[in-house]
Amino acid sequence: MTPAPRVRTQVLAVLGLVAVGALAAYLLIGDGQPASSRTGGDAATPSSASSPPEELEVLSAESITQSQPMGRWRAQVIGRSQLLRSGVRVPLDYRQQPTTWTFTSESCSADGCTGTVSSSSGRSFPYTWDGRELVVDRRLTDKSGKVACFDESGDSVPIPEGAASHTYRYSFGSFAGSADRLTSRLVIEISTEFSGSCQATPDDPLTYVEDQVLRKLPES
């Protein structure tokens, strides 16, 4: 009896579409993830253990208030890399359609500022600013449902015979930078459940890494 052809998940093509769609649908967005949650080859290089910790200047309430992001900013997601199941890290080169973020401050003190950032995509999120880092409070886990796999010839396999379900967990980082440009890091971790004849392949992506970039727009 001739063995059935091995079924490939072709997760790369599916994940690319679903991840980009999820970002466009759910995020404000610009780009990012804080240094504390960066992973793998895209993580910030740790300082030497022999180097003394730097003492940060204590910022006044006035300084924090005056330096907080205000008004309209251009927000864009930029692809950086993806980690495959094989352990290989592959560059990602894309720029998503930018949106506009509008910051509205609510209160400031020596501990920092709080407020709301609203996106032209229709979503709003609370934020905090401590004079050095901007934290936008976003949490997202997205699920794809069952998607079809493809066999070795590239033909789609009926979902009842073999399918994959993807879960995307987004880790957003704090923004840091200058008065007119702030950058953050976004990591999307992908877990997959297979059913039927659908199997994992070395080319399946496990993690996407993207930058989120905010640029100050001129006052109208």
C-alpha atoms as a PDB file:
ATOM      1  CA  MET A   1       0.000   0.000   0.000  1.00  0.00           C
ATOM      2  CA  THR A   2       1.402   3.398  -0.959  1.00  0.00           C
ATOM      3  CA  PRO A   3       1.975   5.558   2.145  1.00  0.00           C
ATOM      4  CA  ALA A   4       0.000   8.791   2.355  1.00  0.00           C
ATOM      5  CA  PRO A   5       2.040  11.925   1.533  1.00  0.00           C
ATOM      6  CA  ARG A   6       3.446  13.749   4.549  1.00  0.00           C
ATOM      7  CA  VAL A   7       1.308  16.788   5.327  1.00  0.00           C
ATOM      8  CA  ARG A   8       3.071  20.089   5.950  1.00  0.00           C
ATOM      9  CA  THR A   9       1.533  22.836   8.035  1.00  0.00           C
ATOM     10  CA  GLN A  10       2.841  25.693   5.905  1.00  0.00           C
ATOM     11  CA  VAL A  11       2.427  27.720   9.109  1.00  0.00           C
ATOM     12  CA  LEU A  12       4.665  30.488   7.827  1.00  0.00           C
ATOM     13  CA  ALA A  13       2.176  31.677   5.238  1.00  0.00           C
ATOM     14  CA  VAL A  14      -0.775  31.297   7.592  1.00  0.00           C
ATOM     15  CA  LEU A  15       0.904  32.975  10.542  1.00  0.00           C
ATOM     16  CA  GLY A  16       2.054  35.915   8.491  1.00  0.00           C
ATOM     17  CA  LEU A  17      -1.494  36.691   7.410  1.00  0.00           C
ATOM     18  CA  VAL A  18      -3.058  36.104  10.807  1.00  0.00           C
ATOM     19  CA  ALA A  19      -0.425  38.016  12.774  1.00  0.00           C
ATOM     20  CA  VAL A  20      -0.568  41.051  10.506  1.00  0.00           C
ATOM     21  CA  GLY A  21      -4.356  40.939  10.556  1.00  0.00           C
ATOM     22  CA  ALA A  22      -4.415  40.709  14.340  1.00  0.00           C
ATOM     23  CA  LEU A  23      -2.092  43.678  14.667  1.00  0.00           C
ATOM     24  CA  ALA A  24      -4.144  45.767  12.275  1.00  0.00           C
ATOM     25  CA  ALA A  25      -7.396  44.821  13.994  1.00  0.00           C
ATOM     26  CA  TYR A  26      -6.403  44.961  17.659  1.00  0.00           C
ATOM     27  CA  LEU A  27      -3.523  47.369  18.153  1.00  0.00           C
ATOM     28  CA  LEU A  28      -3.219  51.090  18.273  1.00  0.00           C
ATOM     29  CA  ILE A  29      -0.297  50.838  16.744  1.00  0.00           C
ATOM     30  CA  GLY A  30       3.141  51.983  16.376  1.00  0.00           C
ATOM     31  CA  ASP A  31       5.638  49.359  17.572  1.00  0.00           C
ATOM     32  CA  GLY A  32       7.575  47.551  20.509  1.00  0.00           C
ATOM     33  CA  GLN A  33       8.618  45.702  23.806  1.00  0.00           C
ATOM     34  CA  PRO A  34      10.582  46.778  26.878  1.00  0.00           C
ATOM     35  CA  ALA A  35      14.153  45.790  27.489  1.00  0.00           C
ATOM     36  CA  SER A  36      13.017  43.695  30.441  1.00  0.00           C
ATOM     37  CA  SER A  37      11.031  41.393  28.148  1.00  0.00           C
ATOM     38  CA  ARG A  38      13.317  41.206  25.111  1.00  0.00           C
ATOM     39  CA  THR A  39      14.409  37.691  24.226  1.00  0.00           C
ATOM     40  CA  GLY A  40      16.821  35.746  22.073  1.00  0.00           C
ATOM     41  CA  GLY A  41      19.159  37.393  19.593  1.00  0.00           C
ATOM     42  CA  ASP A  42      17.113  40.593  19.676  1.00  0.00           C
ATOM     43  CA  ALA A  43      17.578  41.140  23.394  1.00  0.00           C
ATOM     44  CA  ALA A  44      19.536  44.058  24.676  1.00  0.00           C
ATOM     45  CA  THR A  45      23.120  43.103  25.521  1.00  0.00           C
ATOM     46  CA  PRO A  46      23.455  42.892  29.312  1.00  0.00           C
ATOM     47  CA  SER A  47      26.021  45.103  30.946  1.00  0.00           C
ATOM     48  CA  SER A  48      29.160  43.533  32.321  1.00  0.00           C
ATOM     49  CA  ALA A  49      28.884  42.238  35.871  1.00  0.00           C
ATOM     50  CA  SER A  50      32.005  44.217  36.745  1.00  0.00           C
ATOM     51  CA  SER A  51      30.472  47.508  35.599  1.00  0.00           C
ATOM     52  CA  PRO A  52      28.984  49.576  38.437  1.00  0.00           C
ATOM     53  CA  PRO A  53      25.289  50.435  38.068  1.00  0.00           C
ATOM     54  CA  GLU A  54      24.600  53.916  36.751  1.00  0.00           C
ATOM     55  CA  GLU A  55      22.876  56.297  39.119  1.00  0.00           C
ATOM     56  CA  LEU A  56      19.858  57.875  37.451  1.00  0.00           C
ATOM     57  CA  GLU A  57      19.234  61.567  37.906  1.00  0.00           C
ATOM     58  CA  VAL A  58      16.200  62.290  40.059  1.00  0.00           C
ATOM     59  CA  LEU A  59      13.686  64.094  37.881  1.00  0.00           C
ATOM     60  CA  SER A  60      11.467  66.864  39.194  1.00  0.00           C
ATOM     61  CA  ALA A  61       7.709  66.841  38.753  1.00  0.00           C
ATOM     62  CA  GLU A  62       8.059  69.837  36.422  1.00  0.00           C
ATOM     63  CA  SER A  63      10.625  68.035  34.259  1.00  0.00           C
ATOM     64  CA  ILE A  64       8.446  64.920  34.040  1.00  0.00           C
ATOM     65  CA  THR A  65       5.388  66.966  33.135  1.00  0.00           C
ATOM     66  CA  GLN A  66       7.137  68.996  30.448  1.00  0.00           C
ATOM     67  CA  SER A  67       8.789  65.964  28.826  1.00  0.00           C
ATOM     68  CA  GLN A  68       5.716  63.727  28.592  1.00  0.00           C
ATOM     69  CA  PRO A  69       4.443  62.857  25.098  1.00  0.00           C
ATOM     70  CA  MET A  70       1.555  65.097  24.136  1.00  0.00           C
ATOM     71  CA  GLY A  71      -0.545  65.645  21.022  1.00  0.00           C
ATOM     72  CA  ARG A  72      -0.404  63.566  17.848  1.00  0.00           C
ATOM     73  CA  TRP A  73       2.228  60.930  16.990  1.00  0.00           C
ATOM     74  CA  ARG A  74       2.744  58.724  13.930  1.00  0.00           C
ATOM     75  CA  ALA A  75       2.775  55.053  15.009  1.00  0.00           C
ATOM     76  CA  GLN A  76       4.185  52.250  12.851  1.00  0.00           C
ATOM     77  CA  VAL A  77       5.106  48.559  13.204  1.00  0.00           C
ATOM     78  CA  ILE A  78       8.370  47.440  11.584  1.00  0.00           C
ATOM     79  CA  GLY A  79       9.237  43.758  11.163  1.00  0.00           C
ATOM     80  CA  ARG A  80      12.623  42.668  12.519  1.00  0.00           C
ATOM     81  CA  SER A  81      12.974  38.877  12.741  1.00  0.00           C
ATOM     82  CA  GLN A  82      11.272  35.541  13.240  1.00  0.00           C
ATOM     83  CA  LEU A  83      12.542  32.472  15.079  1.00  0.00           C
ATOM     84  CA  LEU A  84      11.764  29.196  13.304  1.00  0.00           C
ATOM     85  CA  ARG A  85      11.139  25.812  14.892  1.00  0.00           C
ATOM     86  CA  SER A  86      14.528  24.718  13.506  1.00  0.00           C
ATOM     87  CA  GLY A  87      16.234  27.318  15.712  1.00  0.00           C
ATOM     88  CA  VAL A  88      17.153  29.552  12.768  1.00  0.00           C
ATOM     89  CA  ARG A  89      16.427  33.269  13.089  1.00  0.00           C
ATOM     90  CA  VAL A  90      15.282  34.873   9.824  1.00  0.00           C
ATOM     91  CA  PRO A  91      15.052  38.634   9.135  1.00  0.00           C
ATOM     92  CA  LEU A  92      11.619  40.183   8.612  1.00  0.00           C
ATOM     93  CA  ASP A  93      11.397  43.211   6.348  1.00  0.00           C
ATOM     94  CA  TYR A  94       8.032  44.964   6.317  1.00  0.00           C
ATOM     95  CA  ARG A  95       6.395  48.180   7.493  1.00  0.00           C
ATOM     96  CA  GLN A  96       2.736  48.194   8.380  1.00  0.00           C
ATOM     97  CA  GLN A  97       0.424  51.043   7.464  1.00  0.00           C
ATOM     98  CA  PRO A  98       0.969  53.733  10.121  1.00  0.00           C
ATOM     99  CA  THR A  99      -1.747  54.990  12.418  1.00  0.00           C
ATOM    100  CA  THR A 100      -1.995  58.173  14.494  1.00  0.00           C
ATOM    101  CA  TRP A 101      -1.819  58.147  18.307  1.00  0.00           C
ATOM    102  CA  THR A 102      -3.143  61.093  20.304  1.00  0.00           C
ATOM    103  CA  PHE A 103      -1.950  61.514  23.900  1.00  0.00           C
ATOM    104  CA  THR A 104      -4.140  63.200  26.512  1.00  0.00           C
ATOM    105  CA  SER A 105      -2.595  63.812  29.933  1.00  0.00           C
ATOM    106  CA  GLU A 106      -4.775  63.344  33.007  1.00  0.00           C
ATOM    107  CA  SER A 107      -2.441  63.935  35.970  1.00  0.00           C
ATOM    108  CA  CYS A 108       1.244  64.424  36.786  1.00  0.00           C
ATOM    109  CA  SER A 109       3.334  64.341  39.952  1.00  0.00           C
ATOM    110  CA  ALA A 110       6.883  63.614  41.052  1.00  0.00           C
ATOM    111  CA  ASP A 111       6.059  59.924  40.500  1.00  0.00           C
ATOM    112  CA  GLY A 112       5.104  60.418  36.867  1.00  0.00           C
ATOM    113  CA  CYS A 113       2.232  61.208  34.528  1.00  0.00           C
ATOM    114  CA  THR A 114      -0.836  59.203  33.599  1.00  0.00           C
ATOM    115  CA  GLY A 115      -3.235  59.644  30.728  1.00  0.00           C
ATOM    116  CA  THR A 116      -4.943  58.076  27.750  1.00  0.00           C
ATOM    117  CA  VAL A 117      -3.638  57.426  24.242  1.00  0.00           C
ATOM    118  CA  SER A 118      -6.226  57.120  21.476  1.00  0.00           C
ATOM    119  CA  SER A 119      -5.538  55.604  18.073  1.00  0.00           C
ATOM    120  CA  SER A 120      -7.003  56.458  14.699  1.00  0.00           C
ATOM    121  CA  SER A 121      -7.872  52.729  14.561  1.00  0.00           C
ATOM    122  CA  GLY A 122     -10.563  53.444  17.175  1.00  0.00           C
ATOM    123  CA  ARG A 123      -8.965  51.967  20.304  1.00  0.00           C
ATOM    124  CA  SER A 124      -7.786  53.740  23.475  1.00  0.00           C
ATOM    125  CA  PHE A 125      -5.350  52.645  26.196  1.00  0.00           C
ATOM    126  CA  PRO A 126      -4.072  54.087  29.486  1.00  0.00           C
ATOM    127  CA  TYR A 127      -0.419  55.104  29.674  1.00  0.00           C
ATOM    128  CA  THR A 128       2.167  56.133  32.258  1.00  0.00           C
ATOM    129  CA  TRP A 129       5.267  58.312  31.820  1.00  0.00           C
ATOM    130  CA  ASP A 130       8.084  58.501  34.389  1.00  0.00           C
ATOM    131  CA  GLY A 131      10.246  61.014  32.558  1.00  0.00           C
ATOM    132  CA  ARG A 132      12.284  58.329  30.800  1.00  0.00           C
ATOM    133  CA  GLU A 133       9.961  55.548  29.653  1.00  0.00           C
ATOM    134  CA  LEU A 134       6.446  55.447  28.245  1.00  0.00           C
ATOM    135  CA  VAL A 135       4.338  52.401  29.152  1.00  0.00           C
ATOM    136  CA  VAL A 136       1.116  51.854  27.187  1.00  0.00           C
ATOM    137  CA  ASP A 137      -1.072  49.277  28.934  1.00  0.00           C
ATOM    138  CA  ARG A 138      -1.995  46.704  26.261  1.00  0.00           C
ATOM    139  CA  ARG A 139      -2.661  42.984  26.649  1.00  0.00           C
ATOM    140  CA  LEU A 140      -3.498  40.659  23.800  1.00  0.00           C
ATOM    141  CA  THR A 141      -3.825  36.953  23.116  1.00  0.00           C
ATOM    142  CA  ASP A 142      -5.239  36.051  19.724  1.00  0.00           C
ATOM    143  CA  LYS A 143      -6.384  32.649  18.401  1.00  0.00           C
ATOM    144  CA  SER A 144      -6.748  31.708  14.751  1.00  0.00           C
ATOM    145  CA  GLY A 145      -9.186  28.801  14.951  1.00  0.00           C
ATOM    146  CA  LYS A 146      -8.514  25.809  12.692  1.00  0.00           C
ATOM    147  CA  VAL A 147      -6.647  26.550   9.460  1.00  0.00           C
ATOM    148  CA  ALA A 148      -5.894  24.205   6.581  1.00  0.00           C
ATOM    149  CA  CYS A 149      -2.527  22.551   6.012  1.00  0.00           C
ATOM    150  CA  PHE A 150      -0.866  21.797   2.671  1.00  0.00           C
ATOM    151  CA  ASP A 151       0.656  18.589   1.360  1.00  0.00           C
ATOM    152  CA  GLU A 152       4.039  18.220  -0.323  1.00  0.00           C
ATOM    153  CA  SER A 153       2.603  19.256  -3.690  1.00  0.00           C
ATOM    154  CA  GLY A 154       1.221  22.480  -2.212  1.00  0.00           C
ATOM    155  CA  ASP A 155      -2.414  21.410  -2.338  1.00  0.00           C
ATOM    156  CA  SER A 156      -4.702  22.299   0.563  1.00  0.00           C
ATOM    157  CA  VAL A 157      -5.770  19.390   2.764  1.00  0.00           C
ATOM    158  CA  PRO A 158      -9.430  19.351   3.917  1.00  0.00           C
ATOM    159  CA  ILE A 159      -9.598  20.653   7.490  1.00  0.00           C
ATOM    160  CA  PRO A 160     -11.308  17.483   8.810  1.00  0.00           C
ATOM    161  CA  GLU A 161      -8.283  15.497   7.592  1.00  0.00           C
ATOM    162  CA  GLY A 162      -5.568  17.780   8.946  1.00  0.00           C
ATOM    163  CA  ALA A 163      -5.528  21.261  10.486  1.00  0.00           C
ATOM    164  CA  ALA A 164      -3.586  23.597  12.771  1.00  0.00           C
ATOM    165  CA  SER A 165      -4.794  26.084  15.392  1.00  0.00           C
ATOM    166  CA  HIS A 166      -2.489  28.956  16.324  1.00  0.00           C
ATOM    167  CA  THR A 167      -2.388  31.032  19.512  1.00  0.00           C
ATOM    168  CA  TYR A 168      -0.478  34.339  19.487  1.00  0.00           C
ATOM    169  CA  ARG A 169       0.700  35.914  22.742  1.00  0.00           C
ATOM    170  CA  TYR A 170       1.859  39.524  22.462  1.00  0.00           C
ATOM    171  CA  SER A 171       4.472  41.003  24.790  1.00  0.00           C
ATOM    172  CA  PHE A 172       4.637  44.795  24.589  1.00  0.00           C
ATOM    173  CA  GLY A 173       7.556  46.796  25.898  1.00  0.00           C
ATOM    174  CA  SER A 174       7.996  50.309  27.177  1.00  0.00           C
ATOM    175  CA  PHE A 175       8.924  53.119  24.791  1.00  0.00           C
ATOM    176  CA  ALA A 176      12.119  55.126  25.179  1.00  0.00           C
ATOM    177  CA  GLY A 177      14.053  57.543  23.015  1.00  0.00           C
ATOM    178  CA  SER A 178      13.992  61.274  22.380  1.00  0.00           C
ATOM    179  CA  ALA A 179      11.447  64.088  22.571  1.00  0.00           C
ATOM    180  CA  ASP A 180      10.245  63.417  19.010  1.00  0.00           C
ATOM    181  CA  ARG A 181      10.940  59.675  18.510  1.00  0.00           C
ATOM    182  CA  LEU A 182      10.129  56.759  20.841  1.00  0.00           C
ATOM    183  CA  THR A 183      10.828  53.089  20.120  1.00  0.00           C
ATOM    184  CA  SER A 184       9.652  49.879  21.740  1.00  0.00           C
ATOM    185  CA  ARG A 185       9.890  46.141  21.090  1.00  0.00           C
ATOM    186  CA  LEU A 186       7.001  43.755  20.411  1.00  0.00           C
ATOM    187  CA  VAL A 187       7.431  39.973  20.657  1.00  0.00           C
ATOM    188  CA  ILE A 188       4.697  37.638  19.382  1.00  0.00           C
ATOM    189  CA  GLU A 189       5.012  34.062  20.641  1.00  0.00           C
ATOM    190  CA  ILE A 190       3.176  31.420  18.618  1.00  0.00           C
ATOM    191  CA  SER A 191       1.977  28.054  19.891  1.00  0.00           C
ATOM    192  CA  THR A 192       0.265  25.568  17.583  1.00  0.00           C
ATOM    193  CA  GLU A 193      -2.035  22.580  18.067  1.00  0.00           C
ATOM    194  CA  PHE A 194      -2.118  20.041  15.231  1.00  0.00           C
ATOM    195  CA  SER A 195      -4.904  17.643  14.339  1.00  0.00           C
ATOM    196  CA  GLY A 196      -5.250  14.778  11.868  1.00  0.00           C
ATOM    197  CA  SER A 197      -2.387  14.401   9.400  1.00  0.00           C
ATOM    198  CA  CYS A 198      -1.106  17.938   9.971  1.00  0.00           C
ATOM    199  CA  GLN A 199       2.457  18.015  11.327  1.00  0.00           C
ATOM    200  CA  ALA A 200       5.013  20.568  12.435  1.00  0.00           C
ATOM    201  CA  THR A 201       7.861  21.500  10.092  1.00  0.00           C
ATOM    202  CA  PRO A 202      11.281  23.089  10.774  1.00  0.00           C
ATOM    203  CA  ASP A 203      10.146  26.235   8.922  1.00  0.00           C
ATOM    204  CA  ASP A 204       7.225  26.944  11.256  1.00  0.00           C
ATOM    205  CA  PRO A 205       7.761  30.284  13.035  1.00  0.00           C
ATOM    206  CA  LEU A 206       7.687  30.231  16.839  1.00  0.00           C
ATOM    207  CA  THR A 207       8.306  33.933  17.503  1.00  0.00           C
ATOM    208  CA  TYR A 208       7.936  37.206  15.633  1.00  0.00           C
ATOM    209  CA  VAL A 209       9.951  40.249  16.717  1.00  0.00           C
ATOM    210  CA  GLU A 210       8.841  43.726  15.673  1.00  0.00           C
ATOM    211  CA  ASP A 211       9.687  47.302  16.563  1.00  0.00           C
ATOM    212  CA  GLN A 212       7.038  49.905  17.323  1.00  0.00           C
ATOM    213  CA  VAL A 213       8.108  53.432  16.437  1.00  0.00           C
ATOM    214  CA  LEU A 214       6.392  56.670  17.464  1.00  0.00           C
ATOM    215  CA  ARG A 215       7.295  59.935  15.729  1.00  0.00           C
ATOM    216  CA  LYS A 216       5.968  63.312  16.871  1.00  0.00           C
ATOM    217  CA  LEU A 217       3.733  65.013  14.348  1.00  0.00           C
ATOM    218  CA  PRO A 218       3.740  68.801  13.837  1.00  0.00           C
ATOM    219  CA  GLU A 219       1.004  70.680  15.634  1.00  0.00           C
ATOM    220  CA  SER A 220      -1.802  71.593  13.252  1.00  0.00           C
END
